[in-house]
Amino acid sequence: MADKKQGSSLTPYQGGVLRNLVYQTKLILKLMGDRRVSPWVKLIPVGALVYLVSPIDIIMGIPGVAALDDAAILWLGSNLFIELCPPNVVKEHRQELTGNMDDGSSDDIVDAEVTDVKKD
C-alpha cells in the first residue's frame, strides 16, 4: 500500500481536502496558461465553468441533488483536462507546485538544552 501510482491526478500527495483543492486549482491555472497545451483541451475546464454558472442543469427540481451534478461536472472536467494535457507538461508543473507546497515539517533532529530565564 506504500507504493502509489505517481502519475495519478487524483491524489498527488497527502494533504487535506482544501489543500488538494488548492493544488488542483493551481495546476489547472498553470496548464491553462501553458502554450504547449492544445487550445481545444483548454475548452474543457472553460466548458465546466460555463455549465456551473448556467441556469440549465442535468438534474433539476430535486433539492440537494441538483448541486451534485455541478460538482460532478467540475470534478470530471478538471480531471479530464489534466489527463488530456501532455504528460511531460503536467509532470513539470506538478514538480514546480510540490516544491512550493512544503508543509514546513522536517525530520531533522535538533540537539538542544532547555534553560530557564529568570526575571528580576
PDB file of N, CA and C in Angstrom:
ATOM      1  N   MET A   1       0.810  -1.182   0.000  1.00  0.00           N
ATOM      2  CA  MET A   1       0.000   0.000   0.000  1.00  0.00           C
ATOM      3  C   MET A   1       0.861   1.256   0.000  1.00  0.00           C
ATOM      4  N   ALA A   2       2.130   1.094   0.306  1.00  0.00           N
ATOM      5  CA  ALA A   2       3.028   2.241   0.306  1.00  0.00           C
ATOM      6  C   ALA A   2       3.353   2.695  -1.110  1.00  0.00           C
ATOM      7  N   ASP A   3       3.233   1.801  -2.075  1.00  0.00           N
ATOM      8  CA  ASP A   3       3.525   2.157  -3.456  1.00  0.00           C
ATOM      9  C   ASP A   3       2.274   2.707  -4.113  1.00  0.00           C
ATOM     10  N   LYS A   4       2.295   4.012  -4.416  1.00  0.00           N
ATOM     11  CA  LYS A   4       1.173   4.641  -5.093  1.00  0.00           C
ATOM     12  C   LYS A   4       1.613   5.058  -6.478  1.00  0.00           C
ATOM     13  N   LYS A   5       0.678   5.041  -7.388  1.00  0.00           N
ATOM     14  CA  LYS A   5       0.959   5.459  -8.754  1.00  0.00           C
ATOM     15  C   LYS A   5       1.184   6.968  -8.775  1.00  0.00           C
ATOM     16  N   GLN A   6       2.355   7.399  -9.163  1.00  0.00           N
ATOM     17  CA  GLN A   6       2.711   8.814  -9.133  1.00  0.00           C
ATOM     18  C   GLN A   6       1.994   9.594 -10.230  1.00  0.00           C
ATOM     19  N   GLY A   7       1.629   8.958 -11.328  1.00  0.00           N
ATOM     20  CA  GLY A   7       1.008   9.656 -12.439  1.00  0.00           C
ATOM     21  C   GLY A   7      -0.447   9.990 -12.215  1.00  0.00           C
ATOM     22  N   SER A   8      -1.058   9.496 -11.176  1.00  0.00           N
ATOM     23  CA  SER A   8      -2.470   9.726 -10.928  1.00  0.00           C
ATOM     24  C   SER A   8      -2.705  11.181 -10.554  1.00  0.00           C
ATOM     25  N   SER A   9      -3.732  11.785 -11.150  1.00  0.00           N
ATOM     26  CA  SER A   9      -4.034  13.187 -10.868  1.00  0.00           C
ATOM     27  C   SER A   9      -4.967  13.342  -9.687  1.00  0.00           C
ATOM     28  N   LEU A  10      -5.493  12.237  -9.154  1.00  0.00           N
ATOM     29  CA  LEU A  10      -6.476  12.346  -8.089  1.00  0.00           C
ATOM     30  C   LEU A  10      -5.850  12.665  -6.747  1.00  0.00           C
ATOM     31  N   THR A  11      -4.770  12.023  -6.376  1.00  0.00           N
ATOM     32  CA  THR A  11      -4.129  12.260  -5.089  1.00  0.00           C
ATOM     33  C   THR A  11      -2.632  12.427  -5.296  1.00  0.00           C
ATOM     34  N   PRO A  12      -2.173  13.642  -5.580  1.00  0.00           N
ATOM     35  CA  PRO A  12      -0.754  13.831  -5.858  1.00  0.00           C
ATOM     36  C   PRO A  12       0.127  13.682  -4.625  1.00  0.00           C
ATOM     37  N   TYR A  13      -0.372  14.008  -3.463  1.00  0.00           N
ATOM     38  CA  TYR A  13       0.388  13.887  -2.233  1.00  0.00           C
ATOM     39  C   TYR A  13      -0.602  13.890  -1.089  1.00  0.00           C
ATOM     40  N   GLN A  14      -0.128  13.560   0.074  1.00  0.00           N
ATOM     41  CA  GLN A  14      -1.023  13.513   1.225  1.00  0.00           C
ATOM     42  C   GLN A  14      -1.235  14.924   1.752  1.00  0.00           C
ATOM     43  N   GLY A  15      -2.465  15.270   1.929  1.00  0.00           N
ATOM     44  CA  GLY A  15      -2.825  16.571   2.459  1.00  0.00           C
ATOM     45  C   GLY A  15      -4.320  16.589   2.695  1.00  0.00           C
ATOM     46  N   GLY A  16      -4.820  17.689   3.165  1.00  0.00           N
ATOM     47  CA  GLY A  16      -6.239  17.797   3.415  1.00  0.00           C
ATOM     48  C   GLY A  16      -7.015  18.045   2.139  1.00  0.00           C
ATOM     49  N   VAL A  17      -8.323  18.027   2.253  1.00  0.00           N
ATOM     50  CA  VAL A  17      -9.195  18.241   1.105  1.00  0.00           C
ATOM     51  C   VAL A  17      -8.984  19.643   0.540  1.00  0.00           C
ATOM     52  N   LEU A  18      -8.919  20.622   1.413  1.00  0.00           N
ATOM     53  CA  LEU A  18      -8.734  22.001   0.963  1.00  0.00           C
ATOM     54  C   LEU A  18      -7.374  22.179   0.289  1.00  0.00           C
ATOM     55  N   ARG A  19      -6.358  21.557   0.850  1.00  0.00           N
ATOM     56  CA  ARG A  19      -5.021  21.671   0.265  1.00  0.00           C
ATOM     57  C   ARG A  19      -4.968  21.021  -1.124  1.00  0.00           C
ATOM     58  N   ASN A  20      -5.637  19.864  -1.275  1.00  0.00           N
ATOM     59  CA  ASN A  20      -5.693  19.218  -2.578  1.00  0.00           C
ATOM     60  C   ASN A  20      -6.485  20.045  -3.579  1.00  0.00           C
ATOM     61  N   LEU A  21      -7.544  20.726  -3.115  1.00  0.00           N
ATOM     62  CA  LEU A  21      -8.324  21.590  -3.990  1.00  0.00           C
ATOM     63  C   LEU A  21      -7.483  22.769  -4.474  1.00  0.00           C
ATOM     64  N   VAL A  22      -6.728  23.363  -3.580  1.00  0.00           N
ATOM     65  CA  VAL A  22      -5.847  24.479  -3.957  1.00  0.00           C
ATOM     66  C   VAL A  22      -4.786  23.997  -4.939  1.00  0.00           C
ATOM     67  N   TYR A  23      -4.207  22.826  -4.678  1.00  0.00           N
ATOM     68  CA  TYR A  23      -3.187  22.256  -5.561  1.00  0.00           C
ATOM     69  C   TYR A  23      -3.768  22.012  -6.954  1.00  0.00           C
ATOM     70  N   GLN A  24      -4.952  21.406  -7.010  1.00  0.00           N
ATOM     71  CA  GLN A  24      -5.595  21.091  -8.292  1.00  0.00           C
ATOM     72  C   GLN A  24      -5.909  22.379  -9.059  1.00  0.00           C
ATOM     73  N   THR A  25      -6.391  23.392  -8.351  1.00  0.00           N
ATOM     74  CA  THR A  25      -6.712  24.671  -8.992  1.00  0.00           C
ATOM     75  C   THR A  25      -5.461  25.337  -9.543  1.00  0.00           C
ATOM     76  N   LYS A  26      -4.382  25.341  -8.767  1.00  0.00           N
ATOM     77  CA  LYS A  26      -3.132  25.942  -9.241  1.00  0.00           C
ATOM     78  C   LYS A  26      -2.588  25.189 -10.453  1.00  0.00           C
ATOM     79  N   LEU A  27      -2.687  23.860 -10.424  1.00  0.00           N
ATOM     80  CA  LEU A  27      -2.212  23.060 -11.551  1.00  0.00           C
ATOM     81  C   LEU A  27      -3.014  23.371 -12.805  1.00  0.00           C
ATOM     82  N   ILE A  28      -4.326  23.469 -12.680  1.00  0.00           N
ATOM     83  CA  ILE A  28      -5.176  23.773 -13.838  1.00  0.00           C
ATOM     84  C   ILE A  28      -4.853  25.163 -14.380  1.00  0.00           C
ATOM     85  N   LEU A  29      -4.683  26.142 -13.498  1.00  0.00           N
ATOM     86  CA  LEU A  29      -4.363  27.501 -13.955  1.00  0.00           C
ATOM     87  C   LEU A  29      -3.013  27.548 -14.670  1.00  0.00           C
ATOM     88  N   LYS A  30      -2.031  26.813 -14.153  1.00  0.00           N
ATOM     89  CA  LYS A  30      -0.720  26.782 -14.811  1.00  0.00           C
ATOM     90  C   LYS A  30      -0.824  26.111 -16.183  1.00  0.00           C
ATOM     91  N   LEU A  31      -1.598  25.032 -16.267  1.00  0.00           N
ATOM     92  CA  LEU A  31      -1.767  24.336 -17.549  1.00  0.00           C
ATOM     93  C   LEU A  31      -2.561  25.187 -18.539  1.00  0.00           C
ATOM     94  N   MET A  32      -3.518  25.958 -18.048  1.00  0.00           N
ATOM     95  CA  MET A  32      -4.287  26.842 -18.937  1.00  0.00           C
ATOM     96  C   MET A  32      -3.395  27.929 -19.540  1.00  0.00           C
ATOM     97  N   GLY A  33      -2.406  28.377 -18.793  1.00  0.00           N
ATOM     98  CA  GLY A  33      -1.504  29.408 -19.288  1.00  0.00           C
ATOM     99  C   GLY A  33      -0.334  28.885 -20.099  1.00  0.00           C
ATOM    100  N   ASP A  34      -0.171  27.567 -20.180  1.00  0.00           N
ATOM    101  CA  ASP A  34       0.956  26.976 -20.893  1.00  0.00           C
ATOM    102  C   ASP A  34       0.627  26.846 -22.379  1.00  0.00           C
ATOM    103  N   ARG A  35       1.525  27.338 -23.223  1.00  0.00           N
ATOM    104  CA  ARG A  35       1.316  27.305 -24.680  1.00  0.00           C
ATOM    105  C   ARG A  35       1.436  25.895 -25.260  1.00  0.00           C
ATOM    106  N   ARG A  36       2.035  24.969 -24.514  1.00  0.00           N
ATOM    107  CA  ARG A  36       2.208  23.609 -25.022  1.00  0.00           C
ATOM    108  C   ARG A  36       0.938  22.775 -24.934  1.00  0.00           C
ATOM    109  N   VAL A  37      -0.077  23.286 -24.239  1.00  0.00           N
ATOM    110  CA  VAL A  37      -1.361  22.594 -24.117  1.00  0.00           C
ATOM    111  C   VAL A  37      -2.265  23.083 -25.244  1.00  0.00           C
ATOM    112  N   SER A  38      -2.926  22.142 -25.902  1.00  0.00           N
ATOM    113  CA  SER A  38      -3.800  22.451 -27.027  1.00  0.00           C
ATOM    114  C   SER A  38      -4.955  23.360 -26.616  1.00  0.00           C
ATOM    115  N   PRO A  39      -5.280  24.341 -27.456  1.00  0.00           N
ATOM    116  CA  PRO A  39      -6.430  25.208 -27.154  1.00  0.00           C
ATOM    117  C   PRO A  39      -7.747  24.425 -27.076  1.00  0.00           C
ATOM    118  N   TRP A  40      -7.851  23.327 -27.810  1.00  0.00           N
ATOM    119  CA  TRP A  40      -9.063  22.504 -27.758  1.00  0.00           C
ATOM    120  C   TRP A  40      -9.219  21.838 -26.400  1.00  0.00           C
ATOM    121  N   VAL A  41      -8.114  21.423 -25.820  1.00  0.00           N
ATOM    122  CA  VAL A  41      -8.159  20.800 -24.495  1.00  0.00           C
ATOM    123  C   VAL A  41      -8.489  21.855 -23.439  1.00  0.00           C
ATOM    124  N   LYS A  42      -8.057  23.072 -23.655  1.00  0.00           N
ATOM    125  CA  LYS A  42      -8.339  24.152 -22.711  1.00  0.00           C
ATOM    126  C   LYS A  42      -9.823  24.506 -22.650  1.00  0.00           C
ATOM    127  N   LEU A  43     -10.602  24.062 -23.644  1.00  0.00           N
ATOM    128  CA  LEU A  43     -12.037  24.324 -23.630  1.00  0.00           C
ATOM    129  C   LEU A  43     -12.770  23.483 -22.579  1.00  0.00           C
ATOM    130  N   ILE A  44     -12.159  22.392 -22.112  1.00  0.00           N
ATOM    131  CA  ILE A  44     -12.814  21.507 -21.147  1.00  0.00           C
ATOM    132  C   ILE A  44     -13.090  22.215 -19.816  1.00  0.00           C
ATOM    133  N   PRO A  45     -12.085  22.813 -19.153  1.00  0.00           N
ATOM    134  CA  PRO A  45     -12.411  23.498 -17.893  1.00  0.00           C
ATOM    135  C   PRO A  45     -13.281  24.740 -18.098  1.00  0.00           C
ATOM    136  N   VAL A  46     -13.122  25.394 -19.242  1.00  0.00           N
ATOM    137  CA  VAL A  46     -13.966  26.557 -19.531  1.00  0.00           C
ATOM    138  C   VAL A  46     -15.423  26.104 -19.661  1.00  0.00           C
ATOM    139  N   GLY A  47     -15.632  24.996 -20.369  1.00  0.00           N
ATOM    140  CA  GLY A  47     -16.992  24.454 -20.504  1.00  0.00           C
ATOM    141  C   GLY A  47     -17.581  24.031 -19.169  1.00  0.00           C
ATOM    142  N   ALA A  48     -16.754  23.459 -18.299  1.00  0.00           N
ATOM    143  CA  ALA A  48     -17.233  23.054 -16.973  1.00  0.00           C
ATOM    144  C   ALA A  48     -17.657  24.278 -16.157  1.00  0.00           C
ATOM    145  N   LEU A  49     -16.892  25.358 -16.250  1.00  0.00           N
ATOM    146  CA  LEU A  49     -17.260  26.584 -15.526  1.00  0.00           C
ATOM    147  C   LEU A  49     -18.513  27.232 -16.114  1.00  0.00           C
ATOM    148  N   VAL A  50     -18.660  27.174 -17.442  1.00  0.00           N
ATOM    149  CA  VAL A  50     -19.866  27.717 -18.075  1.00  0.00           C
ATOM    150  C   VAL A  50     -21.091  26.927 -17.618  1.00  0.00           C
ATOM    151  N   TYR A  51     -20.950  25.611 -17.537  1.00  0.00           N
ATOM    152  CA  TYR A  51     -22.056  24.776 -17.052  1.00  0.00           C
ATOM    153  C   TYR A  51     -22.406  25.116 -15.601  1.00  0.00           C
ATOM    154  N   LEU A  52     -21.390  25.422 -14.803  1.00  0.00           N
ATOM    155  CA  LEU A  52     -21.615  25.749 -13.393  1.00  0.00           C
ATOM    156  C   LEU A  52     -22.466  26.997 -13.240  1.00  0.00           C
ATOM    157  N   VAL A  53     -22.216  28.012 -14.050  1.00  0.00           N
ATOM    158  CA  VAL A  53     -22.947  29.273 -13.907  1.00  0.00           C
ATOM    159  C   VAL A  53     -24.217  29.322 -14.752  1.00  0.00           C
ATOM    160  N   SER A  54     -24.416  28.351 -15.633  1.00  0.00           N
ATOM    161  CA  SER A  54     -25.614  28.356 -16.472  1.00  0.00           C
ATOM    162  C   SER A  54     -26.833  27.950 -15.645  1.00  0.00           C
ATOM    163  N   PRO A  55     -28.001  28.475 -16.004  1.00  0.00           N
ATOM    164  CA  PRO A  55     -29.215  28.112 -15.262  1.00  0.00           C
ATOM    165  C   PRO A  55     -29.742  26.715 -15.612  1.00  0.00           C
ATOM    166  N   ILE A  56     -29.201  26.086 -16.624  1.00  0.00           N
ATOM    167  CA  ILE A  56     -29.665  24.767 -17.050  1.00  0.00           C
ATOM    168  C   ILE A  56     -28.832  23.702 -16.335  1.00  0.00           C
ATOM    169  N   ASP A  57     -29.523  22.740 -15.724  1.00  0.00           N
ATOM    170  CA  ASP A  57     -28.868  21.636 -15.039  1.00  0.00           C
ATOM    171  C   ASP A  57     -29.360  20.316 -15.610  1.00  0.00           C
ATOM    172  N   ILE A  58     -28.539  19.279 -15.485  1.00  0.00           N
ATOM    173  CA  ILE A  58     -28.950  17.942 -15.912  1.00  0.00           C
ATOM    174  C   ILE A  58     -30.030  17.426 -14.971  1.00  0.00           C
ATOM    175  N   ILE A  59     -29.818  17.614 -13.673  1.00  0.00           N
ATOM    176  CA  ILE A  59     -30.787  17.192 -12.662  1.00  0.00           C
ATOM    177  C   ILE A  59     -31.423  18.457 -12.092  1.00  0.00           C
ATOM    178  N   MET A  60     -32.714  18.637 -12.348  1.00  0.00           N
ATOM    179  CA  MET A  60     -33.411  19.829 -11.850  1.00  0.00           C
ATOM    180  C   MET A  60     -34.584  19.410 -10.973  1.00  0.00           C
ATOM    181  N   GLY A  61     -34.895  20.211  -9.998  1.00  0.00           N
ATOM    182  CA  GLY A  61     -36.094  20.008  -9.213  1.00  0.00           C
ATOM    183  C   GLY A  61     -35.907  19.200  -7.942  1.00  0.00           C
ATOM    184  N   ILE A  62     -34.805  18.517  -7.782  1.00  0.00           N
ATOM    185  CA  ILE A  62     -34.573  17.737  -6.569  1.00  0.00           C
ATOM    186  C   ILE A  62     -33.599  18.524  -5.693  1.00  0.00           C
ATOM    187  N   PRO A  63     -34.076  19.082  -4.592  1.00  0.00           N
ATOM    188  CA  PRO A  63     -33.182  19.876  -3.731  1.00  0.00           C
ATOM    189  C   PRO A  63     -32.026  19.031  -3.187  1.00  0.00           C
ATOM    190  N   GLY A  64     -30.862  19.587  -3.201  1.00  0.00           N
ATOM    191  CA  GLY A  64     -29.676  18.887  -2.697  1.00  0.00           C
ATOM    192  C   GLY A  64     -28.993  18.060  -3.762  1.00  0.00           C
ATOM    193  N   VAL A  65     -29.768  17.389  -4.592  1.00  0.00           N
ATOM    194  CA  VAL A  65     -29.191  16.550  -5.645  1.00  0.00           C
ATOM    195  C   VAL A  65     -28.783  17.404  -6.844  1.00  0.00           C
ATOM    196  N   ALA A  66     -29.461  18.523  -7.019  1.00  0.00           N
ATOM    197  CA  ALA A  66     -29.155  19.399  -8.150  1.00  0.00           C
ATOM    198  C   ALA A  66     -27.733  19.948  -8.061  1.00  0.00           C
ATOM    199  N   ALA A  67     -27.212  20.118  -6.858  1.00  0.00           N
ATOM    200  CA  ALA A  67     -25.840  20.613  -6.697  1.00  0.00           C
ATOM    201  C   ALA A  67     -24.818  19.523  -6.997  1.00  0.00           C
ATOM    202  N   LEU A  68     -25.227  18.278  -6.885  1.00  0.00           N
ATOM    203  CA  LEU A  68     -24.292  17.176  -7.134  1.00  0.00           C
ATOM    204  C   LEU A  68     -23.849  17.101  -8.597  1.00  0.00           C
ATOM    205  N   ASP A  69     -24.757  17.414  -9.518  1.00  0.00           N
ATOM    206  CA  ASP A  69     -24.336  17.360 -10.918  1.00  0.00           C
ATOM    207  C   ASP A  69     -23.328  18.463 -11.227  1.00  0.00           C
ATOM    208  N   ASP A  70     -23.472  19.620 -10.573  1.00  0.00           N
ATOM    209  CA  ASP A  70     -22.480  20.688 -10.756  1.00  0.00           C
ATOM    210  C   ASP A  70     -21.115  20.240 -10.249  1.00  0.00           C
ATOM    211  N   ALA A  71     -21.084  19.633  -9.077  1.00  0.00           N
ATOM    212  CA  ALA A  71     -19.820  19.152  -8.510  1.00  0.00           C
ATOM    213  C   ALA A  71     -19.223  18.045  -9.375  1.00  0.00           C
ATOM    214  N   ALA A  72     -20.078  17.163  -9.884  1.00  0.00           N
ATOM    215  CA  ALA A  72     -19.589  16.062 -10.728  1.00  0.00           C
ATOM    216  C   ALA A  72     -19.004  16.581 -12.035  1.00  0.00           C
ATOM    217  N   ILE A  73     -19.648  17.575 -12.641  1.00  0.00           N
ATOM    218  CA  ILE A  73     -19.134  18.147 -13.894  1.00  0.00           C
ATOM    219  C   ILE A  73     -17.803  18.845 -13.648  1.00  0.00           C
ATOM    220  N   LEU A  74     -17.668  19.586 -12.534  1.00  0.00           N
ATOM    221  CA  LEU A  74     -16.393  20.249 -12.230  1.00  0.00           C
ATOM    222  C   LEU A  74     -15.289  19.225 -11.995  1.00  0.00           C
ATOM    223  N   TRP A  75     -15.598  18.167 -11.230  1.00  0.00           N
ATOM    224  CA  TRP A  75     -14.608  17.128 -10.958  1.00  0.00           C
ATOM    225  C   TRP A  75     -14.199  16.427 -12.252  1.00  0.00           C
ATOM    226  N   LEU A  76     -15.185  16.024 -13.046  1.00  0.00           N
ATOM    227  CA  LEU A  76     -14.907  15.320 -14.296  1.00  0.00           C
ATOM    228  C   LEU A  76     -14.138  16.215 -15.264  1.00  0.00           C
ATOM    229  N   GLY A  77     -14.549  17.471 -15.375  1.00  0.00           N
ATOM    230  CA  GLY A  77     -13.874  18.398 -16.286  1.00  0.00           C
ATOM    231  C   GLY A  77     -12.428  18.652 -15.896  1.00  0.00           C
ATOM    232  N   SER A  78     -12.167  18.829 -14.603  1.00  0.00           N
ATOM    233  CA  SER A  78     -10.792  19.107 -14.176  1.00  0.00           C
ATOM    234  C   SER A  78      -9.892  17.887 -14.354  1.00  0.00           C
ATOM    235  N   ASN A  79     -10.407  16.703 -13.999  1.00  0.00           N
ATOM    236  CA  ASN A  79      -9.582  15.504 -14.160  1.00  0.00           C
ATOM    237  C   ASN A  79      -9.375  15.139 -15.626  1.00  0.00           C
ATOM    238  N   LEU A  80     -10.401  15.297 -16.448  1.00  0.00           N
ATOM    239  CA  LEU A  80     -10.263  15.016 -17.878  1.00  0.00           C
ATOM    240  C   LEU A  80      -9.271  15.986 -18.516  1.00  0.00           C
ATOM    241  N   PHE A  81      -9.332  17.245 -18.120  1.00  0.00           N
ATOM    242  CA  PHE A  81      -8.399  18.243 -18.646  1.00  0.00           C
ATOM    243  C   PHE A  81      -6.959  17.874 -18.326  1.00  0.00           C
ATOM    244  N   ILE A  82      -6.692  17.509 -17.074  1.00  0.00           N
ATOM    245  CA  ILE A  82      -5.327  17.160 -16.675  1.00  0.00           C
ATOM    246  C   ILE A  82      -4.854  15.897 -17.386  1.00  0.00           C
ATOM    247  N   GLU A  83      -5.743  14.919 -17.557  1.00  0.00           N
ATOM    248  CA  GLU A  83      -5.363  13.673 -18.226  1.00  0.00           C
ATOM    249  C   GLU A  83      -5.098  13.877 -19.714  1.00  0.00           C
ATOM    250  N   LEU A  84      -5.757  14.852 -20.352  1.00  0.00           N
ATOM    251  CA  LEU A  84      -5.568  15.088 -21.781  1.00  0.00           C
ATOM    252  C   LEU A  84      -4.404  16.029 -22.087  1.00  0.00           C
ATOM    253  N   CYS A  85      -3.875  16.697 -21.083  1.00  0.00           N
ATOM    254  CA  CYS A  85      -2.699  17.548 -21.281  1.00  0.00           C
ATOM    255  C   CYS A  85      -1.477  16.662 -21.493  1.00  0.00           C
ATOM    256  N   PRO A  86      -0.458  17.169 -22.204  1.00  0.00           N
ATOM    257  CA  PRO A  86       0.758  16.378 -22.395  1.00  0.00           C
ATOM    258  C   PRO A  86       1.383  15.980 -21.048  1.00  0.00           C
ATOM    259  N   PRO A  87       1.695  14.691 -20.867  1.00  0.00           N
ATOM    260  CA  PRO A  87       2.194  14.209 -19.570  1.00  0.00           C
ATOM    261  C   PRO A  87       3.456  14.911 -19.088  1.00  0.00           C
ATOM    262  N   ASN A  88       4.360  15.243 -20.020  1.00  0.00           N
ATOM    263  CA  ASN A  88       5.595  15.902 -19.601  1.00  0.00           C
ATOM    264  C   ASN A  88       5.330  17.320 -19.080  1.00  0.00           C
ATOM    265  N   VAL A  89       4.335  17.994 -19.641  1.00  0.00           N
ATOM    266  CA  VAL A  89       3.982  19.339 -19.181  1.00  0.00           C
ATOM    267  C   VAL A  89       3.332  19.261 -17.795  1.00  0.00           C
ATOM    268  N   VAL A  90       2.436  18.282 -17.613  1.00  0.00           N
ATOM    269  CA  VAL A  90       1.790  18.097 -16.310  1.00  0.00           C
ATOM    270  C   VAL A  90       2.833  17.765 -15.251  1.00  0.00           C
ATOM    271  N   LYS A  91       3.759  16.880 -15.589  1.00  0.00           N
ATOM    272  CA  LYS A  91       4.802  16.483 -14.640  1.00  0.00           C
ATOM    273  C   LYS A  91       5.671  17.683 -14.252  1.00  0.00           C
ATOM    274  N   GLU A  92       6.004  18.504 -15.221  1.00  0.00           N
ATOM    275  CA  GLU A  92       6.825  19.691 -14.952  1.00  0.00           C
ATOM    276  C   GLU A  92       6.124  20.643 -13.980  1.00  0.00           C
ATOM    277  N   HIS A  93       4.842  20.895 -14.218  1.00  0.00           N
ATOM    278  CA  HIS A  93       4.101  21.807 -13.344  1.00  0.00           C
ATOM    279  C   HIS A  93       3.861  21.186 -11.966  1.00  0.00           C
ATOM    280  N   ARG A  94       3.660  19.873 -11.917  1.00  0.00           N
ATOM    281  CA  ARG A  94       3.492  19.208 -10.621  1.00  0.00           C
ATOM    282  C   ARG A  94       4.750  19.315  -9.777  1.00  0.00           C
ATOM    283  N   GLN A  95       5.905  19.113 -10.398  1.00  0.00           N
ATOM    284  CA  GLN A  95       7.164  19.218  -9.656  1.00  0.00           C
ATOM    285  C   GLN A  95       7.354  20.632  -9.134  1.00  0.00           C
ATOM    286  N   GLU A  96       6.991  21.609  -9.940  1.00  0.00           N
ATOM    287  CA  GLU A  96       7.107  23.005  -9.512  1.00  0.00           C
ATOM    288  C   GLU A  96       6.174  23.290  -8.330  1.00  0.00           C
ATOM    289  N   LEU A  97       4.944  22.776  -8.397  1.00  0.00           N
ATOM    290  CA  LEU A  97       3.974  23.030  -7.325  1.00  0.00           C
ATOM    291  C   LEU A  97       4.304  22.277  -6.043  1.00  0.00           C
ATOM    292  N   THR A  98       4.716  21.034  -6.151  1.00  0.00           N
ATOM    293  CA  THR A  98       5.008  20.278  -4.937  1.00  0.00           C
ATOM    294  C   THR A  98       6.261  20.797  -4.260  1.00  0.00           C
ATOM    295  N   GLY A  99       7.161  21.408  -5.004  1.00  0.00           N
ATOM    296  CA  GLY A  99       8.330  22.028  -4.400  1.00  0.00           C
ATOM    297  C   GLY A  99       7.953  23.268  -3.620  1.00  0.00           C
ATOM    298  N   ASN A 100       6.907  23.971  -4.060  1.00  0.00           N
ATOM    299  CA  ASN A 100       6.461  25.196  -3.402  1.00  0.00           C
ATOM    300  C   ASN A 100       5.532  24.936  -2.231  1.00  0.00           C
ATOM    301  N   MET A 101       4.933  23.757  -2.163  1.00  0.00           N
ATOM    302  CA  MET A 101       3.935  23.489  -1.132  1.00  0.00           C
ATOM    303  C   MET A 101       4.484  22.612  -0.027  1.00  0.00           C
ATOM    304  N   ASP A 102       5.677  22.915   0.446  1.00  0.00           N
ATOM    305  CA  ASP A 102       6.256  22.184   1.562  1.00  0.00           C
ATOM    306  C   ASP A 102       5.542  22.614   2.827  1.00  0.00           C
ATOM    307  N   ASP A 103       5.162  21.654   3.660  1.00  0.00           N
ATOM    308  CA  ASP A 103       4.397  21.975   4.859  1.00  0.00           C
ATOM    309  C   ASP A 103       5.257  22.480   6.009  1.00  0.00           C
ATOM    310  N   GLY A 104       6.544  22.562   5.795  1.00  0.00           N
ATOM    311  CA  GLY A 104       7.422  23.111   6.820  1.00  0.00           C
ATOM    312  C   GLY A 104       7.898  22.087   7.812  1.00  0.00           C
ATOM    313  N   SER A 105       7.314  20.916   7.797  1.00  0.00           N
ATOM    314  CA  SER A 105       7.764  19.890   8.737  1.00  0.00           C
ATOM    315  C   SER A 105       9.040  19.247   8.214  1.00  0.00           C
ATOM    316  N   SER A 106       9.876  18.863   9.130  1.00  0.00           N
ATOM    317  CA  SER A 106      11.159  18.295   8.765  1.00  0.00           C
ATOM    318  C   SER A 106      11.471  17.147   9.706  1.00  0.00           C
ATOM    319  N   ASP A 107      12.200  16.179   9.218  1.00  0.00           N
ATOM    320  CA  ASP A 107      12.584  15.050  10.051  1.00  0.00           C
ATOM    321  C   ASP A 107      13.932  15.279  10.717  1.00  0.00           C
ATOM    322  N   ASP A 108      14.468  16.483  10.600  1.00  0.00           N
ATOM    323  CA  ASP A 108      15.747  16.793  11.227  1.00  0.00           C
ATOM    324  C   ASP A 108      15.576  16.876  12.739  1.00  0.00           C
ATOM    325  N   ILE A 109      16.550  16.359  13.449  1.00  0.00           N
ATOM    326  CA  ILE A 109      16.543  16.394  14.907  1.00  0.00           C
ATOM    327  C   ILE A 109      17.500  17.481  15.363  1.00  0.00           C
ATOM    328  N   VAL A 110      17.021  18.334  16.245  1.00  0.00           N
ATOM    329  CA  VAL A 110      17.841  19.415  16.765  1.00  0.00           C
ATOM    330  C   VAL A 110      18.227  19.054  18.188  1.00  0.00           C
ATOM    331  N   ASP A 111      19.515  19.002  18.445  1.00  0.00           N
ATOM    332  CA  ASP A 111      20.018  18.695  19.783  1.00  0.00           C
ATOM    333  C   ASP A 111      20.198  20.014  20.521  1.00  0.00           C
ATOM    334  N   ALA A 112      19.401  20.215  21.564  1.00  0.00           N
ATOM    335  CA  ALA A 112      19.457  21.477  22.297  1.00  0.00           C
ATOM    336  C   ALA A 112      19.165  21.226  23.768  1.00  0.00           C
ATOM    337  N   GLU A 113      19.490  22.234  24.591  1.00  0.00           N
ATOM    338  CA  GLU A 113      19.207  22.165  26.018  1.00  0.00           C
ATOM    339  C   GLU A 113      18.232  23.272  26.373  1.00  0.00           C
ATOM    340  N   VAL A 114      17.400  22.994  27.353  1.00  0.00           N
ATOM    341  CA  VAL A 114      16.419  23.964  27.802  1.00  0.00           C
ATOM    342  C   VAL A 114      17.022  24.757  28.955  1.00  0.00           C
ATOM    343  N   THR A 115      16.876  26.073  28.891  1.00  0.00           N
ATOM    344  CA  THR A 115      17.327  26.925  30.002  1.00  0.00           C
ATOM    345  C   THR A 115      16.198  27.843  30.391  1.00  0.00           C
ATOM    346  N   ASP A 116      16.037  28.065  31.678  1.00  0.00           N
ATOM    347  CA  ASP A 116      15.010  28.958  32.192  1.00  0.00           C
ATOM    348  C   ASP A 116      15.601  30.355  32.316  1.00  0.00           C
ATOM    349  N   VAL A 117      14.822  31.336  31.975  1.00  0.00           N
ATOM    350  CA  VAL A 117      15.244  32.718  32.104  1.00  0.00           C
ATOM    351  C   VAL A 117      14.486  33.312  33.279  1.00  0.00           C
ATOM    352  N   LYS A 118      15.237  33.812  34.253  1.00  0.00           N
ATOM    353  CA  LYS A 118      14.624  34.401  35.445  1.00  0.00           C
ATOM    354  C   LYS A 118      14.476  35.895  35.259  1.00  0.00           C
ATOM    355  N   LYS A 119      13.293  36.350  35.620  1.00  0.00           N
ATOM    356  CA  LYS A 119      13.057  37.797  35.555  1.00  0.00           C
ATOM    357  C   LYS A 119      13.387  38.412  36.902  1.00  0.00           C
ATOM    358  N   ASP A 120      14.063  39.546  36.912  1.00  0.00           N
ATOM    359  CA  ASP A 120      14.436  40.204  38.172  1.00  0.00           C
ATOM    360  C   ASP A 120      13.384  41.122  38.660  1.00  0.00           C
TER     361      ASP A 120
END
